[in-house]
N, C-alpha and C. Protein backbone atom coordinates (compact mmCIF):
# COMPACT_ATOMS: atom_id res chain seq x y z
N MET A 1 16.17 16.30 21.79
CA MET A 1 16.82 14.87 21.69
C MET A 1 16.58 14.26 20.33
N PRO A 2 17.56 13.83 19.74
CA PRO A 2 17.73 13.10 18.10
C PRO A 2 16.76 11.86 18.32
N SER A 3 16.00 11.67 17.08
CA SER A 3 15.50 10.35 17.14
C SER A 3 16.09 8.91 17.36
N ARG A 4 15.76 8.12 17.82
CA ARG A 4 16.48 6.62 17.85
C ARG A 4 16.72 6.22 16.55
N PHE A 5 16.00 6.65 15.79
CA PHE A 5 15.89 6.05 14.55
C PHE A 5 16.71 6.73 13.27
N ALA A 6 17.61 5.99 12.80
CA ALA A 6 18.64 6.40 11.68
C ALA A 6 18.30 6.16 10.38
N PHE A 7 17.94 6.97 9.43
CA PHE A 7 17.48 6.44 8.21
C PHE A 7 18.91 6.17 7.08
N THR A 8 18.90 5.02 6.58
CA THR A 8 19.93 4.66 5.56
C THR A 8 18.98 4.44 4.28
N ALA A 9 19.71 4.41 3.38
CA ALA A 9 19.35 4.35 2.17
C ALA A 9 18.60 2.88 1.74
N PRO A 10 17.58 2.91 0.95
CA PRO A 10 17.09 1.53 0.70
C PRO A 10 18.13 0.84 -0.38
N ALA A 11 17.94 -0.61 0.12
CA ALA A 11 18.73 -1.57 -0.71
C ALA A 11 18.17 -1.63 -2.05
N ALA A 12 19.05 -1.60 -3.16
CA ALA A 12 18.51 -1.66 -4.42
C ALA A 12 18.20 -3.14 -4.85
N PRO A 13 17.27 -3.13 -5.97
CA PRO A 13 16.94 -4.55 -6.30
C PRO A 13 17.86 -5.40 -6.81
N ARG A 14 17.79 -6.52 -6.66
CA ARG A 14 18.95 -7.54 -7.18
C ARG A 14 18.55 -7.87 -8.46
N PRO A 15 19.68 -7.54 -9.61
CA PRO A 15 19.04 -7.77 -11.08
C PRO A 15 18.77 -9.26 -11.27
N PRO A 16 18.08 -9.83 -12.11
CA PRO A 16 17.84 -11.00 -12.67
C PRO A 16 19.16 -11.46 -13.33
N LYS A 17 19.05 -13.04 -13.49
CA LYS A 17 20.26 -13.48 -14.14
C LYS A 17 19.93 -13.31 -15.67
N ALA A 18 18.58 -13.61 -15.87
CA ALA A 18 18.12 -13.43 -17.28
C ALA A 18 16.80 -13.06 -17.01
N LEU A 19 16.40 -12.36 -18.44
CA LEU A 19 14.93 -11.49 -18.36
C LEU A 19 14.09 -12.19 -19.57
N GLU A 20 12.96 -12.75 -19.37
CA GLU A 20 12.33 -13.33 -20.37
C GLU A 20 11.06 -12.46 -20.70
N LEU A 21 10.89 -11.88 -21.90
CA LEU A 21 9.91 -10.80 -22.04
C LEU A 21 8.47 -11.74 -22.27
N ALA A 22 7.32 -11.12 -21.35
CA ALA A 22 6.42 -11.40 -21.48
C ALA A 22 5.39 -10.96 -22.33
N THR A 23 4.20 -11.66 -22.93
CA THR A 23 3.25 -11.27 -23.84
C THR A 23 2.06 -11.36 -23.15
N VAL A 24 1.06 -10.63 -23.41
CA VAL A 24 -0.39 -10.98 -22.88
C VAL A 24 -0.93 -12.24 -23.00
N ASP A 25 -0.85 -12.81 -24.24
CA ASP A 25 -1.35 -14.21 -24.15
C ASP A 25 -0.91 -15.08 -23.51
N GLU A 26 0.54 -15.20 -23.44
CA GLU A 26 1.32 -16.34 -22.65
C GLU A 26 1.37 -16.05 -21.09
N ASP A 27 1.59 -14.92 -20.81
CA ASP A 27 2.09 -14.29 -19.31
C ASP A 27 0.81 -13.32 -18.66
N ASP A 28 -0.51 -13.48 -19.10
CA ASP A 28 -1.39 -12.76 -18.22
C ASP A 28 -1.40 -12.97 -16.69
N LEU A 29 -2.00 -12.11 -16.29
CA LEU A 29 -1.74 -12.44 -14.61
C LEU A 29 -2.83 -13.32 -13.97
N HIS A 30 -2.34 -14.08 -13.10
CA HIS A 30 -3.34 -15.26 -12.65
C HIS A 30 -3.23 -15.50 -11.02
N ASP A 31 -3.94 -15.74 -10.43
CA ASP A 31 -4.07 -15.84 -9.10
C ASP A 31 -2.97 -16.85 -8.55
N GLU A 32 -2.43 -16.77 -7.46
CA GLU A 32 -1.30 -17.71 -7.14
C GLU A 32 -0.32 -18.01 -8.04
N ALA A 33 -0.02 -17.13 -9.08
CA ALA A 33 1.07 -17.58 -9.98
C ALA A 33 2.44 -16.77 -9.35
N SER A 34 3.29 -17.44 -9.80
CA SER A 34 4.74 -17.04 -9.59
C SER A 34 5.52 -16.57 -10.75
N TYR A 35 5.75 -15.51 -10.81
CA TYR A 35 6.71 -14.98 -12.15
C TYR A 35 8.08 -14.54 -11.55
N ARG A 36 9.03 -14.96 -12.22
CA ARG A 36 10.55 -14.85 -11.79
C ARG A 36 11.35 -14.58 -13.06
N GLY A 37 12.06 -13.42 -12.96
CA GLY A 37 12.76 -12.87 -14.20
C GLY A 37 12.04 -12.74 -15.51
N VAL A 38 10.79 -12.17 -15.11
CA VAL A 38 9.90 -11.77 -16.29
C VAL A 38 9.93 -10.21 -16.56
N GLY A 39 10.10 -9.79 -17.82
CA GLY A 39 10.13 -8.38 -18.21
C GLY A 39 8.66 -8.23 -18.91
N PHE A 40 7.80 -7.23 -18.04
CA PHE A 40 6.43 -6.87 -18.45
C PHE A 40 6.48 -5.58 -19.26
N TYR A 41 6.96 -5.65 -20.54
CA TYR A 41 7.29 -4.32 -21.42
C TYR A 41 6.16 -4.06 -22.35
N ASP A 42 6.02 -2.54 -22.32
CA ASP A 42 4.79 -2.20 -23.18
C ASP A 42 3.51 -3.27 -23.52
N LEU A 43 3.24 -3.63 -21.94
CA LEU A 43 1.89 -4.41 -21.93
C LEU A 43 0.65 -3.71 -21.34
N ASP A 44 -0.45 -3.91 -21.97
CA ASP A 44 -1.84 -3.53 -21.66
C ASP A 44 -2.34 -4.83 -20.62
N LEU A 45 -2.17 -4.68 -19.40
CA LEU A 45 -2.76 -5.50 -18.35
C LEU A 45 -3.64 -4.95 -17.37
N THR A 46 -4.33 -3.84 -17.92
CA THR A 46 -5.40 -3.03 -17.19
C THR A 46 -6.73 -3.76 -16.82
N ALA A 47 -6.86 -3.54 -15.41
CA ALA A 47 -8.18 -4.42 -14.60
C ALA A 47 -7.99 -5.89 -14.68
N ARG A 48 -6.56 -6.28 -14.32
CA ARG A 48 -6.46 -7.54 -14.21
C ARG A 48 -6.39 -8.01 -12.62
N SER A 49 -6.51 -9.32 -12.08
CA SER A 49 -6.61 -9.69 -11.21
C SER A 49 -5.64 -10.81 -10.66
N ALA A 50 -4.74 -10.66 -9.72
CA ALA A 50 -3.77 -11.80 -9.43
C ALA A 50 -3.32 -11.78 -7.96
N LYS A 51 -4.46 -12.53 -7.28
CA LYS A 51 -4.53 -12.32 -5.89
C LYS A 51 -3.39 -13.66 -5.38
N GLY A 52 -2.52 -13.48 -4.29
CA GLY A 52 -1.70 -14.09 -3.96
C GLY A 52 -0.38 -14.58 -5.10
N ALA A 53 -0.04 -13.67 -5.96
CA ALA A 53 0.77 -13.90 -6.99
C ALA A 53 2.01 -13.28 -6.31
N GLU A 54 3.25 -13.84 -6.92
CA GLU A 54 4.55 -13.33 -6.51
C GLU A 54 5.36 -13.07 -7.74
N PHE A 55 5.90 -11.90 -7.46
CA PHE A 55 6.76 -11.34 -8.72
C PHE A 55 8.19 -11.27 -8.36
N ASP A 56 9.14 -11.97 -8.67
CA ASP A 56 10.54 -11.89 -8.32
C ASP A 56 11.35 -11.55 -9.19
N GLN A 57 12.15 -10.59 -9.17
CA GLN A 57 13.27 -10.01 -10.12
C GLN A 57 12.70 -10.04 -11.51
N CYS A 58 11.42 -9.26 -11.28
CA CYS A 58 10.87 -8.79 -12.67
C CYS A 58 10.96 -7.05 -13.00
N ARG A 59 10.67 -6.92 -14.41
CA ARG A 59 10.81 -5.74 -14.57
C ARG A 59 9.51 -5.22 -15.37
N PHE A 60 9.17 -4.03 -14.80
CA PHE A 60 7.95 -3.21 -15.54
C PHE A 60 8.39 -2.05 -16.34
N ASN A 61 8.34 -1.71 -17.52
CA ASN A 61 8.68 -0.99 -18.39
C ASN A 61 7.56 -0.50 -19.40
N HIS A 62 7.10 0.75 -19.10
CA HIS A 62 5.63 1.36 -19.98
C HIS A 62 4.57 0.05 -19.77
N ALA A 63 4.41 -0.69 -18.62
CA ALA A 63 3.17 -1.39 -18.52
C ALA A 63 2.22 -0.72 -17.81
N ASP A 64 1.11 -1.14 -18.39
CA ASP A 64 -0.10 -0.67 -17.59
C ASP A 64 -0.99 -1.60 -16.95
N LEU A 65 -0.95 -1.35 -15.43
CA LEU A 65 -1.67 -2.58 -14.70
C LEU A 65 -2.61 -1.61 -14.07
N SER A 66 -3.28 -0.38 -14.28
CA SER A 66 -4.14 0.37 -14.04
C SER A 66 -5.41 -0.23 -13.54
N GLU A 67 -6.00 0.00 -12.45
CA GLU A 67 -7.40 -0.68 -12.16
C GLU A 67 -7.39 -2.16 -11.69
N SER A 68 -6.17 -2.50 -11.62
CA SER A 68 -6.05 -4.01 -11.27
C SER A 68 -6.25 -4.25 -9.91
N SER A 69 -6.42 -5.72 -9.37
CA SER A 69 -6.62 -6.17 -8.10
C SER A 69 -5.25 -7.11 -7.60
N LEU A 70 -4.36 -6.53 -7.07
CA LEU A 70 -3.11 -7.20 -6.69
C LEU A 70 -3.19 -7.72 -5.27
N VAL A 71 -4.10 -8.31 -4.59
CA VAL A 71 -4.45 -8.55 -3.20
C VAL A 71 -3.31 -9.54 -2.82
N LYS A 72 -2.66 -9.49 -1.62
CA LYS A 72 -1.78 -10.56 -1.17
C LYS A 72 -0.76 -10.67 -1.98
N VAL A 73 -0.12 -9.90 -2.89
CA VAL A 73 0.95 -10.20 -3.50
C VAL A 73 2.12 -9.76 -3.24
N SER A 74 3.35 -10.21 -3.52
CA SER A 74 4.69 -9.71 -3.32
C SER A 74 5.51 -9.44 -4.45
N LEU A 75 6.19 -8.06 -4.29
CA LEU A 75 7.16 -8.07 -5.46
C LEU A 75 8.72 -8.03 -4.70
N THR A 76 9.30 -8.57 -5.00
CA THR A 76 10.82 -9.02 -4.57
C THR A 76 11.80 -8.39 -5.83
N ASP A 77 12.71 -7.67 -5.33
CA ASP A 77 13.97 -7.35 -6.38
C ASP A 77 13.15 -6.89 -7.76
N CYS A 78 12.12 -6.19 -7.79
CA CYS A 78 11.46 -5.56 -8.90
C CYS A 78 11.81 -4.02 -9.28
N LEU A 79 11.89 -3.99 -10.56
CA LEU A 79 12.11 -2.50 -11.07
C LEU A 79 11.02 -2.06 -11.93
N VAL A 80 10.27 -1.02 -11.59
CA VAL A 80 9.19 -0.44 -12.29
C VAL A 80 9.37 1.19 -12.95
N GLU A 81 9.34 1.21 -14.09
CA GLU A 81 9.91 2.27 -14.82
C GLU A 81 8.79 2.58 -15.61
N SER A 82 8.63 4.23 -15.73
CA SER A 82 7.45 4.42 -16.80
C SER A 82 6.33 3.66 -17.05
N SER A 83 5.64 3.30 -15.77
CA SER A 83 4.45 2.57 -15.60
C SER A 83 3.19 3.08 -15.32
N ASP A 84 2.16 2.44 -15.38
CA ASP A 84 0.66 2.90 -14.92
C ASP A 84 0.14 2.08 -14.12
N PHE A 85 0.24 2.58 -12.59
CA PHE A 85 -0.35 1.61 -11.59
C PHE A 85 -1.28 2.14 -10.85
N ALA A 86 -1.97 3.30 -11.59
CA ALA A 86 -3.13 4.07 -10.98
C ALA A 86 -4.25 3.10 -10.56
N ASN A 87 -4.88 3.36 -9.54
CA ASN A 87 -5.91 2.84 -9.03
C ASN A 87 -5.89 1.26 -8.87
N VAL A 88 -4.65 0.63 -8.50
CA VAL A 88 -4.11 -0.48 -8.37
C VAL A 88 -4.80 -0.81 -6.70
N HIS A 89 -5.34 -2.06 -6.49
CA HIS A 89 -5.57 -2.23 -5.02
C HIS A 89 -4.79 -3.25 -4.69
N GLY A 90 -3.75 -3.08 -3.78
CA GLY A 90 -2.98 -3.90 -3.19
C GLY A 90 -2.82 -4.54 -1.66
N ASP A 91 -3.74 -4.60 -1.44
CA ASP A 91 -4.17 -4.87 -0.25
C ASP A 91 -3.48 -6.19 0.52
N GLN A 92 -2.75 -5.97 1.72
CA GLN A 92 -2.10 -6.81 2.54
C GLN A 92 -0.85 -7.61 1.78
N SER A 93 -0.22 -6.51 0.78
CA SER A 93 1.03 -7.11 -0.07
C SER A 93 2.16 -6.08 0.24
N THR A 94 3.09 -6.75 -0.34
CA THR A 94 4.47 -6.52 0.39
C THR A 94 5.63 -6.34 -0.65
N LEU A 95 5.90 -5.01 -0.83
CA LEU A 95 7.18 -4.59 -1.69
C LEU A 95 8.62 -4.88 -0.90
N LEU A 96 9.66 -5.56 -1.62
CA LEU A 96 10.86 -5.82 -0.90
C LEU A 96 11.66 -5.66 -1.84
N ARG A 97 12.88 -4.72 -1.68
CA ARG A 97 13.94 -4.18 -2.82
C ARG A 97 13.35 -4.18 -3.84
N VAL A 98 12.47 -2.90 -4.07
CA VAL A 98 11.85 -2.43 -5.17
C VAL A 98 11.98 -1.04 -5.53
N ALA A 99 12.28 -0.75 -6.69
CA ALA A 99 12.52 0.81 -7.15
C ALA A 99 11.42 0.81 -8.32
N VAL A 100 10.96 2.13 -7.85
CA VAL A 100 9.65 2.76 -8.85
C VAL A 100 10.16 4.22 -9.18
N LYS A 101 10.23 4.23 -10.71
CA LYS A 101 10.60 5.45 -11.33
C LYS A 101 9.83 6.12 -12.24
N ASP A 102 9.38 7.50 -12.14
CA ASP A 102 8.78 7.80 -13.47
C ASP A 102 7.35 7.26 -13.69
N SER A 103 6.77 6.99 -12.77
CA SER A 103 5.38 6.02 -12.93
C SER A 103 4.31 6.58 -12.16
N ARG A 104 3.14 6.24 -12.80
CA ARG A 104 1.74 6.77 -12.17
C ARG A 104 1.20 5.80 -11.16
N LEU A 105 1.22 6.22 -10.08
CA LEU A 105 0.41 5.42 -8.99
C LEU A 105 -0.64 6.46 -8.15
N THR A 106 -1.49 7.09 -9.04
CA THR A 106 -2.40 8.02 -8.61
C THR A 106 -3.73 6.98 -8.34
N GLY A 107 -4.26 7.14 -6.95
CA GLY A 107 -5.39 6.14 -6.58
C GLY A 107 -4.71 4.93 -5.86
N LEU A 108 -3.64 4.59 -5.75
CA LEU A 108 -3.17 3.38 -5.73
C LEU A 108 -3.78 2.91 -4.01
N HIS A 109 -4.17 1.90 -3.88
CA HIS A 109 -4.60 1.44 -2.44
C HIS A 109 -3.66 0.28 -1.79
N TRP A 110 -2.91 0.62 -0.92
CA TRP A 110 -1.82 -0.29 -0.44
C TRP A 110 -2.09 -0.47 0.88
N LEU A 111 -3.18 -1.28 1.50
CA LEU A 111 -3.78 -1.17 2.87
C LEU A 111 -3.01 -2.23 3.81
N ASP A 112 -2.53 -2.10 4.76
CA ASP A 112 -2.11 -3.14 5.52
C ASP A 112 -1.00 -4.10 5.04
N GLY A 113 -0.09 -3.41 4.48
CA GLY A 113 0.95 -4.06 3.79
C GLY A 113 2.24 -3.53 4.23
N VAL A 114 3.30 -3.92 3.59
CA VAL A 114 4.59 -3.85 3.82
C VAL A 114 5.49 -3.22 2.89
N LEU A 115 6.34 -2.04 2.95
CA LEU A 115 7.42 -1.74 2.03
C LEU A 115 8.71 -1.78 2.78
N ARG A 116 9.72 -2.54 2.45
CA ARG A 116 10.80 -2.68 3.19
C ARG A 116 12.15 -2.45 1.66
N ASP A 117 12.88 -1.49 1.88
CA ASP A 117 13.91 -1.34 1.11
C ASP A 117 13.34 -0.72 -0.37
N VAL A 118 12.43 0.24 -0.37
CA VAL A 118 11.75 0.60 -1.55
C VAL A 118 12.31 2.22 -1.87
N THR A 119 12.52 2.45 -3.05
CA THR A 119 12.59 3.95 -3.26
C THR A 119 11.48 4.22 -4.53
N LEU A 120 10.83 5.24 -4.36
CA LEU A 120 9.83 5.96 -5.46
C LEU A 120 10.23 7.24 -5.73
N SER A 121 10.50 7.38 -6.99
CA SER A 121 11.26 8.56 -7.31
C SER A 121 10.56 9.34 -8.73
N ASP A 122 10.38 10.58 -8.62
CA ASP A 122 9.59 11.04 -9.59
C ASP A 122 8.09 10.31 -10.11
N CYS A 123 7.55 10.03 -9.17
CA CYS A 123 6.51 9.45 -9.31
C CYS A 123 5.02 10.34 -9.02
N ARG A 124 3.74 10.10 -9.61
CA ARG A 124 2.81 10.78 -9.38
C ARG A 124 1.85 9.62 -8.38
N ILE A 125 1.83 9.92 -7.17
CA ILE A 125 1.23 8.97 -6.10
C ILE A 125 0.02 9.45 -5.47
N ASP A 126 -0.53 10.66 -5.96
CA ASP A 126 -1.45 11.41 -5.35
C ASP A 126 -2.73 10.65 -5.07
N LEU A 127 -3.70 11.12 -4.24
CA LEU A 127 -4.81 10.52 -3.66
C LEU A 127 -4.66 8.86 -3.30
N SER A 128 -3.33 8.57 -3.18
CA SER A 128 -3.11 7.22 -2.78
C SER A 128 -3.38 6.91 -1.24
N VAL A 129 -3.80 5.80 -1.15
CA VAL A 129 -3.96 5.26 0.56
C VAL A 129 -2.90 4.11 0.71
N PHE A 130 -2.29 4.38 1.99
CA PHE A 130 -1.33 3.45 2.58
C PHE A 130 -1.92 3.30 4.10
N ARG A 131 -3.34 3.24 4.48
CA ARG A 131 -3.59 2.90 5.72
C ARG A 131 -2.80 1.70 6.47
N ALA A 132 -2.60 1.61 7.57
CA ALA A 132 -1.88 0.83 8.27
C ALA A 132 -1.05 -0.16 8.00
N THR A 133 -0.22 0.49 6.77
CA THR A 133 1.16 0.06 5.98
C THR A 133 2.27 0.48 6.91
N ARG A 134 3.07 -0.64 7.04
CA ARG A 134 4.67 -0.16 7.51
C ARG A 134 5.59 -0.07 6.46
N PHE A 135 6.41 0.95 6.66
CA PHE A 135 7.38 1.37 5.84
C PHE A 135 8.80 1.06 6.55
N ALA A 136 9.53 0.27 5.93
CA ALA A 136 10.81 0.14 6.41
C ALA A 136 11.99 0.35 5.32
N THR A 137 12.83 1.51 5.64
CA THR A 137 13.54 1.83 4.78
C THR A 137 12.90 2.31 3.45
N VAL A 138 12.14 3.31 3.32
CA VAL A 138 11.44 3.71 2.15
C VAL A 138 11.90 5.08 1.97
N LEU A 139 12.03 5.33 0.62
CA LEU A 139 12.22 6.72 0.03
C LEU A 139 11.45 7.10 -0.76
N PHE A 140 10.80 8.22 -0.55
CA PHE A 140 9.84 9.15 -1.49
C PHE A 140 10.88 10.32 -2.10
N GLU A 141 11.04 10.37 -3.01
CA GLU A 141 11.65 11.61 -3.70
C GLU A 141 11.10 11.88 -4.73
N ASP A 142 11.17 13.49 -5.18
CA ASP A 142 10.23 13.96 -6.13
C ASP A 142 9.07 13.71 -6.31
N CYS A 143 8.33 13.40 -5.54
CA CYS A 143 6.75 12.66 -5.82
C CYS A 143 5.85 13.65 -5.42
N ASN A 144 5.00 13.51 -6.16
CA ASN A 144 3.68 14.07 -6.16
C ASN A 144 2.64 13.21 -5.24
N LEU A 145 2.32 13.56 -3.70
CA LEU A 145 1.60 12.91 -2.80
C LEU A 145 0.39 13.81 -2.41
N THR A 146 -0.15 14.62 -3.31
CA THR A 146 -1.10 15.26 -2.73
C THR A 146 -2.38 14.67 -2.42
N GLY A 147 -2.90 14.69 -1.11
CA GLY A 147 -3.98 14.09 -0.68
C GLY A 147 -3.84 12.51 -0.31
N ALA A 148 -2.52 12.22 -0.05
CA ALA A 148 -2.08 10.83 0.24
C ALA A 148 -2.61 10.62 1.47
N ASP A 149 -3.40 8.98 1.67
CA ASP A 149 -3.44 8.91 3.17
C ASP A 149 -2.91 7.80 4.03
N PHE A 150 -2.11 8.36 4.82
CA PHE A 150 -0.99 7.52 5.75
C PHE A 150 -1.93 7.11 7.17
N THR A 151 -2.84 7.27 7.47
CA THR A 151 -3.66 6.89 8.38
C THR A 151 -3.32 5.80 9.06
N GLY A 152 -2.72 5.65 10.33
CA GLY A 152 -2.45 4.53 10.88
C GLY A 152 -1.20 3.73 10.38
N ALA A 153 -0.67 4.61 9.68
CA ALA A 153 0.62 3.58 9.08
C ALA A 153 1.87 3.92 10.16
N ASP A 154 2.65 2.99 9.84
CA ASP A 154 4.28 3.20 10.56
C ASP A 154 5.18 3.64 9.65
N LEU A 155 5.57 5.04 9.95
CA LEU A 155 6.25 5.54 9.04
C LEU A 155 7.85 5.94 9.60
N THR A 156 8.06 5.10 10.66
CA THR A 156 9.29 5.43 11.31
C THR A 156 10.51 5.12 10.41
N GLY A 157 10.22 4.20 9.47
CA GLY A 157 11.30 4.09 8.54
C GLY A 157 11.09 4.56 7.25
N ALA A 158 10.76 5.87 7.15
CA ALA A 158 10.13 6.28 5.84
C ALA A 158 10.97 8.01 5.65
N ALA A 159 11.33 8.29 4.35
CA ALA A 159 12.02 9.59 4.42
C ALA A 159 11.22 9.82 3.01
N PHE A 160 10.75 11.47 3.05
CA PHE A 160 10.43 12.19 2.12
C PHE A 160 11.29 13.35 1.53
N ALA A 161 11.64 13.45 0.26
CA ALA A 161 12.62 14.46 -0.15
C ALA A 161 11.85 15.05 -1.40
N ARG A 162 11.82 16.22 -1.09
CA ARG A 162 11.13 17.11 -2.16
C ARG A 162 9.89 16.70 -2.70
N CYS A 163 9.02 16.27 -1.82
CA CYS A 163 7.74 15.66 -2.23
C CYS A 163 6.49 16.73 -2.08
N ASP A 164 5.60 16.70 -2.75
CA ASP A 164 4.29 17.44 -2.66
C ASP A 164 3.17 16.98 -1.80
N LEU A 165 3.17 16.98 -0.48
CA LEU A 165 2.26 16.37 0.61
C LEU A 165 1.17 17.32 1.04
N THR A 166 0.52 18.20 0.00
CA THR A 166 -0.45 18.92 0.17
C THR A 166 -1.62 18.37 0.36
N GLY A 167 -2.36 18.46 1.67
CA GLY A 167 -3.55 17.95 1.97
C GLY A 167 -3.25 16.33 2.41
N ALA A 168 -2.20 15.88 2.64
CA ALA A 168 -1.91 14.50 3.04
C ALA A 168 -2.26 14.29 4.43
N GLN A 169 -2.73 12.72 4.85
CA GLN A 169 -3.53 12.81 5.90
C GLN A 169 -2.50 11.66 6.92
N PHE A 170 -2.10 12.18 7.90
CA PHE A 170 -1.00 11.32 8.85
C PHE A 170 -1.72 10.76 9.98
N SER A 171 -3.29 11.04 10.46
CA SER A 171 -3.69 10.57 11.66
C SER A 171 -3.48 9.37 12.19
N GLY A 172 -2.98 9.44 13.39
CA GLY A 172 -2.65 7.81 13.95
C GLY A 172 -1.46 7.24 13.56
N ALA A 173 -0.86 8.09 12.80
CA ALA A 173 0.59 7.41 12.00
C ALA A 173 1.66 7.22 13.20
N SER A 174 2.59 6.48 13.02
CA SER A 174 4.03 6.73 13.71
C SER A 174 4.87 6.99 12.88
N MET A 175 5.65 8.34 13.50
CA MET A 175 6.75 8.91 12.80
C MET A 175 7.70 9.21 13.57
N ASP A 176 8.18 8.54 14.70
CA ASP A 176 9.32 8.84 15.34
C ASP A 176 10.61 8.09 14.39
N GLY A 177 11.20 9.02 13.76
CA GLY A 177 12.43 8.48 12.96
C GLY A 177 11.87 9.16 11.33
N THR A 178 10.80 9.42 10.86
CA THR A 178 10.20 9.83 9.47
C THR A 178 11.07 10.99 9.59
N ARG A 179 11.65 11.34 8.09
CA ARG A 179 12.50 12.50 7.83
C ARG A 179 11.75 13.09 6.77
N LEU A 180 11.63 14.41 6.33
CA LEU A 180 11.02 15.21 5.78
C LEU A 180 12.14 16.40 5.26
N THR A 181 12.53 16.48 3.95
CA THR A 181 13.19 17.39 3.50
C THR A 181 12.57 18.24 2.32
N ASP A 182 12.40 19.51 2.30
CA ASP A 182 11.98 20.38 1.27
C ASP A 182 10.85 19.92 0.73
N CYS A 183 9.95 19.36 1.65
CA CYS A 183 8.64 18.88 0.96
C CYS A 183 7.41 20.23 1.29
N VAL A 184 6.42 20.02 0.37
CA VAL A 184 5.15 21.02 0.60
C VAL A 184 4.40 20.33 1.64
N LEU A 185 3.93 20.94 2.82
CA LEU A 185 3.28 20.16 3.93
C LEU A 185 1.72 21.08 4.09
N SER A 186 1.51 21.93 2.86
CA SER A 186 0.32 22.87 3.28
C SER A 186 -1.16 21.85 3.38
N GLY A 187 -1.67 22.04 4.63
CA GLY A 187 -3.09 21.75 4.72
C GLY A 187 -3.02 20.10 5.10
N VAL A 188 -1.91 19.60 5.75
CA VAL A 188 -1.90 18.14 6.09
C VAL A 188 -2.54 17.89 7.15
N GLY A 189 -3.08 16.72 7.39
CA GLY A 189 -3.92 16.32 8.65
C GLY A 189 -3.28 15.65 9.37
N GLY A 190 -3.51 15.46 10.74
CA GLY A 190 -2.99 14.59 11.42
C GLY A 190 -1.31 15.12 12.11
N VAL A 191 -1.27 16.56 12.29
CA VAL A 191 -0.11 17.15 12.16
C VAL A 191 0.42 16.55 13.74
N THR A 192 -0.30 16.19 14.83
CA THR A 192 0.16 15.81 15.96
C THR A 192 0.80 14.54 15.95
N SER A 193 0.73 13.84 14.77
CA SER A 193 1.52 12.36 14.70
C SER A 193 2.97 12.64 14.36
N PHE A 194 3.18 13.87 14.08
CA PHE A 194 4.69 14.40 13.36
C PHE A 194 5.65 14.34 14.58
N ALA A 195 5.37 13.76 15.96
CA ALA A 195 6.15 14.06 16.93
C ALA A 195 7.20 12.95 16.82
N GLY A 196 8.51 13.36 17.11
CA GLY A 196 9.85 12.38 16.90
C GLY A 196 10.13 12.48 15.30
N ALA A 197 9.34 12.83 14.27
CA ALA A 197 10.09 13.44 13.19
C ALA A 197 11.25 14.31 12.86
N THR A 198 12.06 13.94 12.03
CA THR A 198 12.87 14.94 11.55
C THR A 198 12.56 15.85 10.48
N ILE A 199 12.59 17.36 10.48
CA ILE A 199 11.99 17.83 9.38
C ILE A 199 12.95 19.25 9.12
N SER A 200 13.00 19.35 7.93
CA SER A 200 13.83 20.59 7.67
C SER A 200 13.43 21.99 7.83
N THR A 201 14.08 22.89 8.23
CA THR A 201 13.70 24.18 8.73
C THR A 201 12.54 24.73 7.87
N GLY A 202 12.69 24.76 6.46
CA GLY A 202 11.62 25.42 5.85
C GLY A 202 10.36 24.46 5.71
N ASP A 203 10.53 23.58 6.27
CA ASP A 203 9.18 22.66 6.18
C ASP A 203 8.41 22.75 7.56
N LEU A 204 9.41 23.08 8.55
CA LEU A 204 8.78 23.37 9.81
C LEU A 204 7.91 24.59 9.93
N VAL A 205 8.21 25.63 8.86
CA VAL A 205 7.64 26.86 9.06
C VAL A 205 5.91 26.11 8.65
N THR A 206 5.87 25.62 7.58
CA THR A 206 4.66 25.42 7.09
C THR A 206 3.63 24.31 7.96
N LEU A 207 4.50 23.56 8.74
CA LEU A 207 3.91 22.60 9.32
C LEU A 207 3.35 23.20 10.78
N SER A 208 4.35 24.43 11.21
CA SER A 208 3.74 25.02 12.38
C SER A 208 2.33 25.64 12.27
N ARG A 209 2.20 25.91 11.21
CA ARG A 209 0.85 26.73 11.05
C ARG A 209 -0.21 25.77 11.00
N ALA A 210 -0.08 24.60 10.28
CA ALA A 210 -0.94 23.47 10.23
C ALA A 210 -1.26 22.94 11.56
N LEU A 211 -0.26 23.12 12.63
CA LEU A 211 -0.37 22.48 13.85
C LEU A 211 -0.88 23.71 14.70
N ALA A 212 -0.91 24.62 14.38
CA ALA A 212 -1.40 25.79 15.19
C ALA A 212 -3.19 25.89 14.89
N ALA A 213 -3.35 25.57 13.53
CA ALA A 213 -4.88 25.53 13.08
C ALA A 213 -5.36 24.25 13.94
N ALA A 214 -4.88 23.16 13.92
CA ALA A 214 -5.43 21.99 14.50
C ALA A 214 -5.63 22.17 16.08
N LEU A 215 -4.92 23.04 16.70
CA LEU A 215 -4.75 23.20 18.04
C LEU A 215 -5.66 24.71 18.44
N ASN A 216 -5.91 25.11 17.31
CA ASN A 216 -7.02 26.22 17.21
C ASN A 216 -6.35 27.60 18.16
N ILE A 217 -5.10 27.72 17.54
CA ILE A 217 -3.87 28.46 17.82
C ILE A 217 -4.13 29.83 16.94
N THR A 218 -4.29 31.06 17.28
CA THR A 218 -4.30 32.23 16.63
C THR A 218 -2.94 32.76 16.43
N ILE A 219 -2.27 32.90 15.01
CA ILE A 219 -0.90 33.42 14.91
C ILE A 219 -1.19 34.89 14.55
N SER A 220 -0.39 35.53 15.62
CA SER A 220 -0.34 37.08 15.18
C SER A 220 1.08 37.62 14.93
N ASP A 221 0.87 38.10 13.56
CA ASP A 221 2.08 38.63 12.97
C ASP A 221 2.68 39.94 13.84
């Protein structure tokens, strides 16, 4: 029986009418701040804190926000390219119509958050944590997601294409509607959560071995 959830491509970010380039001195990150139509280009914003901040129609290009705390923030109609968000903590935060390309998100923590109409392509997102996060029309393509943690996440609106999910954890995740195509699934955890997912034939072979191991089934050739 096919899943009742049909995946459609995420909506693209809406471009700003005008873009004002930020500088570290004038546009450093602050709590409860509102940034609209700001271009964060070639900036070092490491280890910053911006609780409750809002980013609307912003652009991040070669921006370094690694080790920053972006708790309860929202990014709407934003484009992130060739930037570093490694070890960012974005708990209870929202991405809406956001595209992330060729960027580093290693160790990203996005707990109890929401991603809607989001595309992540050619990104390194290994060792990331998305526990209890809801994915609504989200596409991961050509991403390194080794060791990612999706425990308790709602992945019914997510699709993974050509991603490395080696050792990723899916325990307690909702995946009725999740799509996986040409992905690496070696050593994934929580394989019983894959009920209702749509998986390509090649991926199913690897997943079946992980499922057999989880159920203590011996495969005899």
